[in-house]
Amino acid sequence: MRENVRGGSVGILIVLQCKEDGKEYLLLVEQPRIPIGNLHSLELPAGSIDDNGNFSGVAAKEVKEETGIEIKETDLIDLTEYCFEPSTKFSGHFMSPGGSDEFMRFFLYKTQMTREEINALKGKMTGSEHENEIIHLKVLTIDEAVKTSPDAKLLVALFIYNRWHESMVASSKC
């Protein structure tokens, strides 16, 4: 039996809400993924946890490295924390429990931008030089993202986001 040890990681769902019309867009990263034979894989920004286990700190760092947007840890909403009952002991969502111990915590960064600011992100080249990352930013509607991305992280994050969003809307009506 072959097992893969990877540990914790973070995925960040970035939702851009247009100030002019209220429409929501996702900011995804496009990068080469040789193991799946795809040079233009559309994905959530993501990264591995460092030794100190600071999930939100790593998430904020990954947003900066992969998108160029500088945020604070306090700007992030921990969707994984929202998802699980307080009594559970899960560190995150296991991505491939049959072959790896990798788990992922999902965070949400939601912000308002003008249409001009959103358009300026389209196609922007980013990435960490010391990690040899070649990343292009893509701005898509949720529907476009689901139809064009093979990234399971994206689907998990969107599922949790939809539940979180519905609960926020329901609680504001009380």
Foldseek 3Di string as FASTA:
>chain_A
DAAAEQEEKEFEWEWEAAPPPRAIKTKWKFACDVVVPDGGATGTQMDGADPVRPHLVVVQVSCCQAQVDHDDSVQKDFLQVVPDDPPDDDPADQDCVVHYPYGYTYIYHYDYDHPVVLVVQAQDWGHDVVVVTTIGIHIGHLVVCVVPHPYVVSVVNVVSVVVVVVVVVVVVVD
